[in-house]
Amino acid sequence: RFSPDWWGSAEPIVITTFNRDENTKSGKIKNIRFFNITAKGENGVLIH
């Protein structure tokens, strides 16, 4: 993790979809594959 000035909290993998604002509906995420990934760090995989 770097300082809170930067987005992120040491997640090795992040998959998220959220509306940016009240007028924007976020898009779909599907068919994502991870093979032979070795991750070490201060946080884990985030899917939200």
All heavy atoms as atom14 arrays in JSON, in Angstrom:
{
  "sequence": "RFSPDWWGSAEPIVITTFNRDENTKSGKIKNIRFFNITAKGENGVLIH",
  "atom14_mask": [
    [1, 1, 1, 1, 1, 1, 1, 1, 1, 1, 1, 0, 0, 0],
    [1, 1, 1, 1, 1, 1, 1, 1, 1, 1, 1, 0, 0, 0],
    [1, 1, 1, 1, 1, 1, 0, 0, 0, 0, 0, 0, 0, 0],
    [1, 1, 1, 1, 1, 1, 1, 0, 0, 0, 0, 0, 0, 0],
    [1, 1, 1, 1, 1, 1, 1, 1, 0, 0, 0, 0, 0, 0],
    [1, 1, 1, 1, 1, 1, 1, 1, 1, 1, 1, 1, 1, 1],
    [1, 1, 1, 1, 1, 1, 1, 1, 1, 1, 1, 1, 1, 1],
    [1, 1, 1, 1, 0, 0, 0, 0, 0, 0, 0, 0, 0, 0],
    [1, 1, 1, 1, 1, 1, 0, 0, 0, 0, 0, 0, 0, 0],
    [1, 1, 1, 1, 1, 0, 0, 0, 0, 0, 0, 0, 0, 0],
    [1, 1, 1, 1, 1, 1, 1, 1, 1, 0, 0, 0, 0, 0],
    [1, 1, 1, 1, 1, 1, 1, 0, 0, 0, 0, 0, 0, 0],
    [1, 1, 1, 1, 1, 1, 1, 1, 0, 0, 0, 0, 0, 0],
    [1, 1, 1, 1, 1, 1, 1, 0, 0, 0, 0, 0, 0, 0],
    [1, 1, 1, 1, 1, 1, 1, 1, 0, 0, 0, 0, 0, 0],
    [1, 1, 1, 1, 1, 1, 1, 0, 0, 0, 0, 0, 0, 0],
    [1, 1, 1, 1, 1, 1, 1, 0, 0, 0, 0, 0, 0, 0],
    [1, 1, 1, 1, 1, 1, 1, 1, 1, 1, 1, 0, 0, 0],
    [1, 1, 1, 1, 1, 1, 1, 1, 0, 0, 0, 0, 0, 0],
    [1, 1, 1, 1, 1, 1, 1, 1, 1, 1, 1, 0, 0, 0],
    [1, 1, 1, 1, 1, 1, 1, 1, 0, 0, 0, 0, 0, 0],
    [1, 1, 1, 1, 1, 1, 1, 1, 1, 0, 0, 0, 0, 0],
    [1, 1, 1, 1, 1, 1, 1, 1, 0, 0, 0, 0, 0, 0],
    [1, 1, 1, 1, 1, 1, 1, 0, 0, 0, 0, 0, 0, 0],
    [1, 1, 1, 1, 1, 1, 1, 1, 1, 0, 0, 0, 0, 0],
    [1, 1, 1, 1, 1, 1, 0, 0, 0, 0, 0, 0, 0, 0],
    [1, 1, 1, 1, 0, 0, 0, 0, 0, 0, 0, 0, 0, 0],
    [1, 1, 1, 1, 1, 1, 1, 1, 1, 0, 0, 0, 0, 0],
    [1, 1, 1, 1, 1, 1, 1, 1, 0, 0, 0, 0, 0, 0],
    [1, 1, 1, 1, 1, 1, 1, 1, 1, 0, 0, 0, 0, 0],
    [1, 1, 1, 1, 1, 1, 1, 1, 0, 0, 0, 0, 0, 0],
    [1, 1, 1, 1, 1, 1, 1, 1, 0, 0, 0, 0, 0, 0],
    [1, 1, 1, 1, 1, 1, 1, 1, 1, 1, 1, 0, 0, 0],
    [1, 1, 1, 1, 1, 1, 1, 1, 1, 1, 1, 0, 0, 0],
    [1, 1, 1, 1, 1, 1, 1, 1, 1, 1, 1, 0, 0, 0],
    [1, 1, 1, 1, 1, 1, 1, 1, 0, 0, 0, 0, 0, 0],
    [1, 1, 1, 1, 1, 1, 1, 1, 0, 0, 0, 0, 0, 0],
    [1, 1, 1, 1, 1, 1, 1, 0, 0, 0, 0, 0, 0, 0],
    [1, 1, 1, 1, 1, 0, 0, 0, 0, 0, 0, 0, 0, 0],
    [1, 1, 1, 1, 1, 1, 1, 1, 1, 0, 0, 0, 0, 0],
    [1, 1, 1, 1, 0, 0, 0, 0, 0, 0, 0, 0, 0, 0],
    [1, 1, 1, 1, 1, 1, 1, 1, 1, 0, 0, 0, 0, 0],
    [1, 1, 1, 1, 1, 1, 1, 1, 0, 0, 0, 0, 0, 0],
    [1, 1, 1, 1, 0, 0, 0, 0, 0, 0, 0, 0, 0, 0],
    [1, 1, 1, 1, 1, 1, 1, 0, 0, 0, 0, 0, 0, 0],
    [1, 1, 1, 1, 1, 1, 1, 1, 0, 0, 0, 0, 0, 0],
    [1, 1, 1, 1, 1, 1, 1, 1, 0, 0, 0, 0, 0, 0],
    [1, 1, 1, 1, 1, 1, 1, 1, 1, 1, 0, 0, 0, 0]
  ],
  "atom14_positions": [
    [[0.83, -1.2, 0.0], [0.0, 0.0, 0.0], [0.87, 1.25, 0.0], [1.86, 1.34, 0.73], [-0.94, 0.02, 1.21], [-2.03, 1.07, 1.01], [-3.12, 1.03, 2.04], [-4.15, 1.99, 1.63], [-4.99, 2.57, 2.46], [-4.96, 2.29, 3.74], [-5.88, 3.43, 2.01], [0.0, 0.0, 0.0], [0.0, 0.0, 0.0], [0.0, 0.0, 0.0]],
    [[0.49, 2.2, -0.86], [1.1, 3.52, -0.84], [0.22, 4.43, 0.02], [-0.72, 3.99, 0.66], [1.23, 4.06, -2.27], [2.38, 3.47, -3.03], [2.32, 2.17, -3.5], [3.53, 4.19, -3.26], [3.37, 1.6, -4.19], [4.6, 3.65, -3.95], [4.52, 2.35, -4.42], [0.0, 0.0, 0.0], [0.0, 0.0, 0.0], [0.0, 0.0, 0.0]],
    [[0.49, 5.7, 0.03], [-0.26, 6.62, 0.87], [-1.71, 6.7, 0.4], [-2.01, 6.39, -0.77], [0.36, 8.02, 0.83], [-0.01, 8.7, -0.34], [0.0, 0.0, 0.0], [0.0, 0.0, 0.0], [0.0, 0.0, 0.0], [0.0, 0.0, 0.0], [0.0, 0.0, 0.0], [0.0, 0.0, 0.0], [0.0, 0.0, 0.0], [0.0, 0.0, 0.0]],
    [[-2.65, 7.13, 1.27], [-4.06, 7.23, 0.87], [-4.32, 8.24, -0.24], [-5.46, 8.32, -0.73], [-4.75, 7.65, 2.18], [-3.85, 7.17, 3.26], [-2.46, 7.34, 2.72], [0.0, 0.0, 0.0], [0.0, 0.0, 0.0], [0.0, 0.0, 0.0], [0.0, 0.0, 0.0], [0.0, 0.0, 0.0], [0.0, 0.0, 0.0], [0.0, 0.0, 0.0]],
    [[-3.32, 9.02, -0.65], [-3.49, 9.91, -1.81], [-3.83, 9.13, -3.07], [-4.44, 9.67, -4.0], [-2.2, 10.69, -2.06], [-1.93, 11.74, -1.0], [-2.86, 12.47, -0.63], [-0.79, 11.82, -0.5], [0.0, 0.0, 0.0], [0.0, 0.0, 0.0], [0.0, 0.0, 0.0], [0.0, 0.0, 0.0], [0.0, 0.0, 0.0], [0.0, 0.0, 0.0]],
    [[-3.42, 7.86, -3.13], [-3.59, 7.06, -4.33], [-4.75, 6.1, -4.17], [-4.95, 5.51, -3.12], [-2.3, 6.27, -4.62], [-1.1, 7.14, -4.68], [-0.17, 7.34, -3.7], [-0.7, 7.98, -5.77], [0.79, 8.23, -4.11], [0.49, 8.64, -5.38], [-1.23, 8.23, -7.04], [1.15, 9.53, -6.21], [-0.57, 9.11, -7.88], [0.6, 9.75, -7.46]],
    [[-5.5, 5.89, -5.24], [-6.56, 4.88, -5.22], [-5.93, 3.5, -5.03], [-4.9, 3.18, -5.6], [-7.32, 4.87, -6.54], [-8.24, 6.04, -6.73], [-8.58, 6.98, -5.8], [-8.93, 6.41, -7.93], [-9.43, 7.9, -6.35], [-9.67, 7.57, -7.65], [-9.0, 5.84, -9.2], [-10.47, 8.19, -8.61], [-9.79, 6.46, -10.16], [-10.52, 7.62, -9.87]],
    [[-6.6, 2.68, -4.22], [-6.15, 1.31, -4.04], [-5.63, 1.05, -2.64], [-5.15, 1.97, -1.95], [0.0, 0.0, 0.0], [0.0, 0.0, 0.0], [0.0, 0.0, 0.0], [0.0, 0.0, 0.0], [0.0, 0.0, 0.0], [0.0, 0.0, 0.0], [0.0, 0.0, 0.0], [0.0, 0.0, 0.0], [0.0, 0.0, 0.0], [0.0, 0.0, 0.0]],
    [[-5.75, -0.2, -2.21], [-5.22, -0.6, -0.9], [-4.52, -1.95, -1.03], [-4.8, -2.89, -0.31], [-6.34, -0.66, 0.14], [-7.42, -1.46, -0.31], [0.0, 0.0, 0.0], [0.0, 0.0, 0.0], [0.0, 0.0, 0.0], [0.0, 0.0, 0.0], [0.0, 0.0, 0.0], [0.0, 0.0, 0.0], [0.0, 0.0, 0.0], [0.0, 0.0, 0.0]],
    [[-3.63, -2.02, -2.02], [-2.74, -3.17, -2.24], [-3.47, -4.42, -2.7], [-2.99, -5.53, -2.5], [-1.91, -3.46, -0.99], [0.0, 0.0, 0.0], [0.0, 0.0, 0.0], [0.0, 0.0, 0.0], [0.0, 0.0, 0.0], [0.0, 0.0, 0.0], [0.0, 0.0, 0.0], [0.0, 0.0, 0.0], [0.0, 0.0, 0.0], [0.0, 0.0, 0.0]],
    [[-4.63, -4.27, -3.35], [-5.32, -5.43, -3.91], [-4.57, -5.92, -5.15], [-4.36, -5.16, -6.09], [-6.75, -5.06, -4.3], [-7.57, -4.41, -3.21], [-7.56, -2.88, -3.29], [-6.61, -2.33, -3.89], [-8.5, -2.27, -2.77], [0.0, 0.0, 0.0], [0.0, 0.0, 0.0], [0.0, 0.0, 0.0], [0.0, 0.0, 0.0], [0.0, 0.0, 0.0]],
    [[-4.19, -7.2, -5.2], [-3.49, -7.7, -6.39], [-4.4, -7.79, -7.61], [-3.95, -7.63, -8.75], [-2.99, -9.08, -5.96], [-3.93, -9.5, -4.88], [-4.31, -8.23, -4.15], [0.0, 0.0, 0.0], [0.0, 0.0, 0.0], [0.0, 0.0, 0.0], [0.0, 0.0, 0.0], [0.0, 0.0, 0.0], [0.0, 0.0, 0.0], [0.0, 0.0, 0.0]],
    [[-5.69, -8.07, -7.37], [-6.67, -8.18, -8.45], [-7.94, -7.48, -8.0], [-8.43, -7.71, -6.89], [-6.97, -9.65, -8.8], [-5.71, -10.32, -9.37], [-8.12, -9.75, -9.79], [-5.84, -11.82, -9.55], [0.0, 0.0, 0.0], [0.0, 0.0, 0.0], [0.0, 0.0, 0.0], [0.0, 0.0, 0.0], [0.0, 0.0, 0.0], [0.0, 0.0, 0.0]],
    [[-8.47, -6.6, -8.86], [-9.7, -5.86, -8.57], [-10.64, -5.96, -9.75], [-10.25, -5.69, -10.89], [-9.39, -4.36, -8.3], [-10.68, -3.58, -8.11], [-8.49, -4.2, -7.1], [0.0, 0.0, 0.0], [0.0, 0.0, 0.0], [0.0, 0.0, 0.0], [0.0, 0.0, 0.0], [0.0, 0.0, 0.0], [0.0, 0.0, 0.0], [0.0, 0.0, 0.0]],
    [[-11.88, -6.37, -9.5], [-12.92, -6.35, -10.53], [-14.14, -5.69, -9.89], [-14.78, -6.26, -9.01], [-13.29, -7.76, -11.01], [-12.05, -8.54, -11.45], [-14.29, -7.68, -12.16], [-12.34, -9.99, -11.81], [0.0, 0.0, 0.0], [0.0, 0.0, 0.0], [0.0, 0.0, 0.0], [0.0, 0.0, 0.0], [0.0, 0.0, 0.0], [0.0, 0.0, 0.0]],
    [[-14.48, -4.48, -10.32], [-15.6, -3.75, -9.72], [-16.41, -3.04, -10.79], [-15.87, -2.57, -11.8], [-15.13, -2.71, -8.69], [-14.24, -1.77, -9.32], [-14.42, -3.36, -7.52], [0.0, 0.0, 0.0], [0.0, 0.0, 0.0], [0.0, 0.0, 0.0], [0.0, 0.0, 0.0], [0.0, 0.0, 0.0], [0.0, 0.0, 0.0], [0.0, 0.0, 0.0]],
    [[-17.7, -2.96, -10.56], [-18.57, -2.13, -11.39], [-19.53, -1.37, -10.49], [-20.31, -1.98, -9.74], [-19.32, -2.94, -12.46], [-20.18, -2.07, -13.21], [-20.12, -4.09, -11.89], [0.0, 0.0, 0.0], [0.0, 0.0, 0.0], [0.0, 0.0, 0.0], [0.0, 0.0, 0.0], [0.0, 0.0, 0.0], [0.0, 0.0, 0.0], [0.0, 0.0, 0.0]],
    [[-19.44, -0.03, -10.52], [-20.31, 0.85, -9.74], [-20.7, 2.04, -10.6], [-19.93, 2.49, -11.45], [-19.58, 1.38, -8.49], [-19.15, 0.33, -7.52], [-17.81, 0.08, -7.29], [-20.08, -0.42, -6.82], [-17.4, -0.89, -6.4], [-19.68, -1.39, -5.92], [-18.34, -1.63, -5.71], [0.0, 0.0, 0.0], [0.0, 0.0, 0.0], [0.0, 0.0, 0.0]],
    [[-21.88, 2.58, -10.34], [-22.3, 3.79, -11.04], [-21.4, 4.96, -10.64], [-21.16, 5.19, -9.45], [-23.75, 4.12, -10.71], [-24.71, 3.02, -11.15], [-24.38, 2.19, -11.99], [-25.9, 3.04, -10.58], [0.0, 0.0, 0.0], [0.0, 0.0, 0.0], [0.0, 0.0, 0.0], [0.0, 0.0, 0.0], [0.0, 0.0, 0.0], [0.0, 0.0, 0.0]],
    [[-20.93, 5.7, -11.64], [-20.07, 6.84, -11.34], [-20.83, 7.93, -10.59], [-20.32, 8.54, -9.65], [-19.49, 7.41, -12.64], [-18.52, 8.57, -12.41], [-18.0, 9.12, -13.73], [-17.15, 8.18, -14.42], [-15.85, 8.01, -14.16], [-15.28, 8.69, -13.18], [-15.14, 7.14, -14.84], [0.0, 0.0, 0.0], [0.0, 0.0, 0.0], [0.0, 0.0, 0.0]],
    [[-22.07, 8.19, -11.03], [-22.87, 9.23, -10.4], [-24.35, 8.89, -10.62], [-24.68, 7.83, -11.17], [-22.53, 10.61, -10.96], [-22.58, 10.66, -12.48], [-23.55, 10.13, -13.07], [-21.67, 11.24, -13.09], [0.0, 0.0, 0.0], [0.0, 0.0, 0.0], [0.0, 0.0, 0.0], [0.0, 0.0, 0.0], [0.0, 0.0, 0.0], [0.0, 0.0, 0.0]],
    [[-25.24, 9.78, -10.2], [-26.67, 9.52, -10.29], [-27.17, 9.39, -11.73], [-28.22, 8.79, -11.98], [-27.44, 10.63, -9.57], [-27.22, 10.67, -8.06], [-27.96, 11.8, -7.4], [-28.48, 12.66, -8.14], [-28.01, 11.83, -6.15], [0.0, 0.0, 0.0], [0.0, 0.0, 0.0], [0.0, 0.0, 0.0], [0.0, 0.0, 0.0], [0.0, 0.0, 0.0]],
    [[-26.43, 9.93, -12.68], [-26.86, 9.92, -14.08], [-26.15, 8.88, -14.93], [-26.33, 8.83, -16.15], [-26.63, 11.31, -14.69], [-27.39, 12.39, -13.96], [-28.57, 12.22, -13.65], [-26.73, 13.5, -13.66], [0.0, 0.0, 0.0], [0.0, 0.0, 0.0], [0.0, 0.0, 0.0], [0.0, 0.0, 0.0], [0.0, 0.0, 0.0], [0.0, 0.0, 0.0]],
    [[-25.32, 8.04, -14.3], [-24.5, 7.1, -15.06], [-24.66, 5.69, -14.5], [-24.32, 5.44, -13.35], [-23.01, 7.5, -15.0], [-22.86, 8.86, -15.4], [-22.19, 6.62, -15.92], [0.0, 0.0, 0.0], [0.0, 0.0, 0.0], [0.0, 0.0, 0.0], [0.0, 0.0, 0.0], [0.0, 0.0, 0.0], [0.0, 0.0, 0.0], [0.0, 0.0, 0.0]],
    [[-25.16, 4.79, -15.31], [-25.26, 3.38, -14.92], [-24.05, 2.63, -15.49], [-23.77, 2.7, -16.68], [-26.55, 2.75, -15.44], [-26.74, 1.3, -15.03], [-28.09, 0.76, -15.44], [-28.22, -0.73, -15.12], [-27.99, -1.01, -13.69], [0.0, 0.0, 0.0], [0.0, 0.0, 0.0], [0.0, 0.0, 0.0], [0.0, 0.0, 0.0], [0.0, 0.0, 0.0]],
    [[-23.36, 1.93, -14.63], [-22.12, 1.27, -15.04], [-22.4, 0.04, -15.9], [-23.47, -0.58, -15.82], [-21.29, 0.89, -13.83], [-21.97, -0.07, -13.04], [0.0, 0.0, 0.0], [0.0, 0.0, 0.0], [0.0, 0.0, 0.0], [0.0, 0.0, 0.0], [0.0, 0.0, 0.0], [0.0, 0.0, 0.0], [0.0, 0.0, 0.0], [0.0, 0.0, 0.0]],
    [[-21.4, -0.34, -16.7], [-21.54, -1.45, -17.62], [-21.35, -2.81, -16.97], [-20.99, -2.93, -15.79], [0.0, 0.0, 0.0], [0.0, 0.0, 0.0], [0.0, 0.0, 0.0], [0.0, 0.0, 0.0], [0.0, 0.0, 0.0], [0.0, 0.0, 0.0], [0.0, 0.0, 0.0], [0.0, 0.0, 0.0], [0.0, 0.0, 0.0], [0.0, 0.0, 0.0]],
    [[-21.57, -3.85, -17.76], [-21.46, -5.24, -17.31], [-20.02, -5.73, -17.43], [-19.27, -5.31, -18.32], [-22.37, -6.14, -18.14], [-23.86, -5.83, -18.03], [-24.41, -6.36, -16.73], [-25.94, -6.23, -16.67], [-26.48, -6.73, -15.38], [0.0, 0.0, 0.0], [0.0, 0.0, 0.0], [0.0, 0.0, 0.0], [0.0, 0.0, 0.0], [0.0, 0.0, 0.0]],
    [[-19.67, -6.68, -16.55], [-18.38, -7.37, -16.62], [-18.65, -8.86, -16.65], [-19.34, -9.39, -15.78], [-17.49, -7.03, -15.41], [-17.22, -5.52, -15.34], [-16.17, -7.8, -15.49], [-16.47, -5.1, -14.08], [0.0, 0.0, 0.0], [0.0, 0.0, 0.0], [0.0, 0.0, 0.0], [0.0, 0.0, 0.0], [0.0, 0.0, 0.0], [0.0, 0.0, 0.0]],
    [[-18.08, -9.57, -17.67], [-18.29, -11.02, -17.72], [-17.17, -11.69, -18.52], [-16.5, -11.06, -19.34], [-19.64, -11.35, -18.34], [-19.82, -10.93, -19.79], [-21.21, -11.32, -20.3], [-21.4, -10.92, -21.76], [-22.74, -11.29, -22.26], [0.0, 0.0, 0.0], [0.0, 0.0, 0.0], [0.0, 0.0, 0.0], [0.0, 0.0, 0.0], [0.0, 0.0, 0.0]],
    [[-16.99, -12.97, -18.22], [-16.01, -13.82, -18.9], [-14.59, -13.29, -18.71], [-13.92, -12.89, -19.66], [-16.34, -13.98, -20.38], [-15.51, -15.08, -21.02], [-15.02, -15.98, -20.34], [-15.34, -15.02, -22.33], [0.0, 0.0, 0.0], [0.0, 0.0, 0.0], [0.0, 0.0, 0.0], [0.0, 0.0, 0.0], [0.0, 0.0, 0.0], [0.0, 0.0, 0.0]],
    [[-14.14, -13.34, -17.46], [-12.79, -12.92, -17.09], [-12.05, -14.13, -16.55], [-12.57, -14.84, -15.68], [-12.82, -11.79, -16.03], [-13.86, -10.71, -16.4], [-11.43, -11.2, -15.86], [-13.6, -9.98, -17.68], [0.0, 0.0, 0.0], [0.0, 0.0, 0.0], [0.0, 0.0, 0.0], [0.0, 0.0, 0.0], [0.0, 0.0, 0.0], [0.0, 0.0, 0.0]],
    [[-10.83, -14.38, -17.03], [-10.08, -15.57, -16.68], [-8.71, -15.22, -16.11], [-8.02, -14.35, -16.64], [-9.88, -16.45, -17.92], [-11.18, -16.88, -18.62], [-11.87, -17.98, -17.83], [-13.05, -18.49, -18.51], [-14.3, -18.1, -18.25], [-14.51, -17.18, -17.32], [-15.32, -18.62, -18.9], [0.0, 0.0, 0.0], [0.0, 0.0, 0.0], [0.0, 0.0, 0.0]],
    [[-8.32, -15.95, -15.04], [-7.0, -15.8, -14.44], [-6.35, -17.18, -14.35], [-6.89, -18.08, -13.7], [-7.12, -15.19, -13.04], [-7.72, -13.81, -13.01], [-9.09, -13.65, -12.88], [-6.92, -12.69, -13.1], [-9.66, -12.38, -12.85], [-7.47, -11.42, -13.08], [-8.85, -11.26, -12.95], [0.0, 0.0, 0.0], [0.0, 0.0, 0.0], [0.0, 0.0, 0.0]],
    [[-5.21, -17.35, -15.0], [-4.48, -18.62, -14.98], [-3.04, -18.39, -14.53], [-2.38, -17.44, -15.0], [-4.45, -19.25, -16.38], [-5.81, -19.48, -16.99], [-6.31, -18.63, -17.97], [-6.59, -20.56, -16.6], [-7.55, -18.85, -18.54], [-7.84, -20.78, -17.17], [-8.32, -19.92, -18.13], [0.0, 0.0, 0.0], [0.0, 0.0, 0.0], [0.0, 0.0, 0.0]],
    [[-2.55, -19.23, -13.64], [-1.15, -19.19, -13.23], [-0.73, -17.8, -12.74], [0.23, -17.2, -13.22], [-0.23, -19.63, -14.38], [-0.55, -21.02, -14.89], [-0.97, -21.89, -14.12], [-0.36, -21.25, -16.17], [0.0, 0.0, 0.0], [0.0, 0.0, 0.0], [0.0, 0.0, 0.0], [0.0, 0.0, 0.0], [0.0, 0.0, 0.0], [0.0, 0.0, 0.0]],
    [[-1.48, -17.3, -11.77], [-1.18, -16.01, -11.16], [-0.6, -16.25, -9.77], [-1.2, -16.96, -8.96], [-2.45, -15.13, -11.04], [-3.21, -15.06, -12.37], [-2.09, -13.75, -10.51], [-2.47, -14.38, -13.49], [0.0, 0.0, 0.0], [0.0, 0.0, 0.0], [0.0, 0.0, 0.0], [0.0, 0.0, 0.0], [0.0, 0.0, 0.0], [0.0, 0.0, 0.0]],
    [[0.54, -15.67, -9.48], [1.15, -15.74, -8.15], [1.16, -14.34, -7.57], [1.8, -13.43, -8.11], [2.58, -16.28, -8.22], [2.56, -17.59, -8.77], [3.21, -16.33, -6.83], [0.0, 0.0, 0.0], [0.0, 0.0, 0.0], [0.0, 0.0, 0.0], [0.0, 0.0, 0.0], [0.0, 0.0, 0.0], [0.0, 0.0, 0.0], [0.0, 0.0, 0.0]],
    [[0.41, -14.15, -6.48], [0.26, -12.81, -5.9], [0.64, -12.83, -4.42], [0.2, -13.7, -3.66], [-1.18, -12.33, -6.05], [0.0, 0.0, 0.0], [0.0, 0.0, 0.0], [0.0, 0.0, 0.0], [0.0, 0.0, 0.0], [0.0, 0.0, 0.0], [0.0, 0.0, 0.0], [0.0, 0.0, 0.0], [0.0, 0.0, 0.0], [0.0, 0.0, 0.0]],
    [[1.45, -11.84, -4.03], [1.78, -11.66, -2.61], [1.71, -10.18, -2.3], [2.31, -9.36, -3.02], [3.18, -12.19, -2.3], [3.54, -12.1, -0.82], [4.88, -12.76, -0.52], [5.18, -12.7, 0.97], [6.47, -13.37, 1.3], [0.0, 0.0, 0.0], [0.0, 0.0, 0.0], [0.0, 0.0, 0.0], [0.0, 0.0, 0.0], [0.0, 0.0, 0.0]],
    [[0.98, -9.83, -1.24], [0.86, -8.42, -0.9], [0.02, -8.21, 0.33], [-0.31, -9.15, 1.05], [0.0, 0.0, 0.0], [0.0, 0.0, 0.0], [0.0, 0.0, 0.0], [0.0, 0.0, 0.0], [0.0, 0.0, 0.0], [0.0, 0.0, 0.0], [0.0, 0.0, 0.0], [0.0, 0.0, 0.0], [0.0, 0.0, 0.0], [0.0, 0.0, 0.0]],
    [[-0.35, -6.95, 0.54], [-1.03, -6.58, 1.78], [-2.55, -6.75, 1.73], [-3.22, -6.46, 2.7], [-0.69, -5.13, 2.13], [0.77, -4.93, 2.47], [1.01, -3.54, 3.02], [1.14, -2.6, 2.21], [1.07, -3.39, 4.26], [0.0, 0.0, 0.0], [0.0, 0.0, 0.0], [0.0, 0.0, 0.0], [0.0, 0.0, 0.0], [0.0, 0.0, 0.0]],
    [[-3.07, -7.21, 0.6], [-4.51, -7.4, 0.49], [-4.78, -8.56, -0.46], [-3.85, -9.1, -1.07], [-5.18, -6.11, -0.01], [-6.59, -5.95, 0.5], [-7.26, -6.92, 0.85], [-7.08, -4.71, 0.52], [0.0, 0.0, 0.0], [0.0, 0.0, 0.0], [0.0, 0.0, 0.0], [0.0, 0.0, 0.0], [0.0, 0.0, 0.0], [0.0, 0.0, 0.0]],
    [[-6.05, -8.92, -0.57], [-6.41, -10.04, -1.42], [-7.22, -9.61, -2.62], [-7.38, -8.42, -2.92], [0.0, 0.0, 0.0], [0.0, 0.0, 0.0], [0.0, 0.0, 0.0], [0.0, 0.0, 0.0], [0.0, 0.0, 0.0], [0.0, 0.0, 0.0], [0.0, 0.0, 0.0], [0.0, 0.0, 0.0], [0.0, 0.0, 0.0], [0.0, 0.0, 0.0]],
    [[-7.76, -10.58, -3.33], [-8.55, -10.36, -4.53], [-9.89, -9.73, -4.15], [-10.56, -10.17, -3.22], [-8.79, -11.7, -5.25], [-9.75, -11.52, -6.42], [-7.46, -12.3, -5.71], [0.0, 0.0, 0.0], [0.0, 0.0, 0.0], [0.0, 0.0, 0.0], [0.0, 0.0, 0.0], [0.0, 0.0, 0.0], [0.0, 0.0, 0.0], [0.0, 0.0, 0.0]],
    [[-10.27, -8.68, -4.88], [-11.53, -7.98, -4.66], [-12.42, -8.11, -5.88], [-12.05, -7.7, -6.99], [-11.27, -6.5, -4.37], [-12.48, -5.56, -4.37], [-13.44, -5.92, -3.25], [-12.03, -4.11, -4.25], [0.0, 0.0, 0.0], [0.0, 0.0, 0.0], [0.0, 0.0, 0.0], [0.0, 0.0, 0.0], [0.0, 0.0, 0.0], [0.0, 0.0, 0.0]],
    [[-13.6, -8.69, -5.71], [-14.63, -8.76, -6.76], [-15.89, -8.16, -6.17], [-16.43, -8.69, -5.19], [-14.88, -10.21, -7.22], [-13.59, -10.85, -7.73], [-15.97, -10.24, -8.29], [-13.73, -12.33, -8.01], [0.0, 0.0, 0.0], [0.0, 0.0, 0.0], [0.0, 0.0, 0.0], [0.0, 0.0, 0.0], [0.0, 0.0, 0.0], [0.0, 0.0, 0.0]],
    [[-16.38, -7.06, -6.74], [-17.51, -6.36, -6.11], [-18.39, -5.73, -7.19], [-18.05, -4.73, -7.8], [-16.99, -5.28, -5.17], [-17.96, -4.88, -4.1], [-19.29, -4.64, -4.33], [-17.78, -4.68, -2.76], [-19.88, -4.3, -3.19], [-19.0, -4.32, -2.22], [0.0, 0.0, 0.0], [0.0, 0.0, 0.0], [0.0, 0.0, 0.0], [0.0, 0.0, 0.0]]
  ]
}
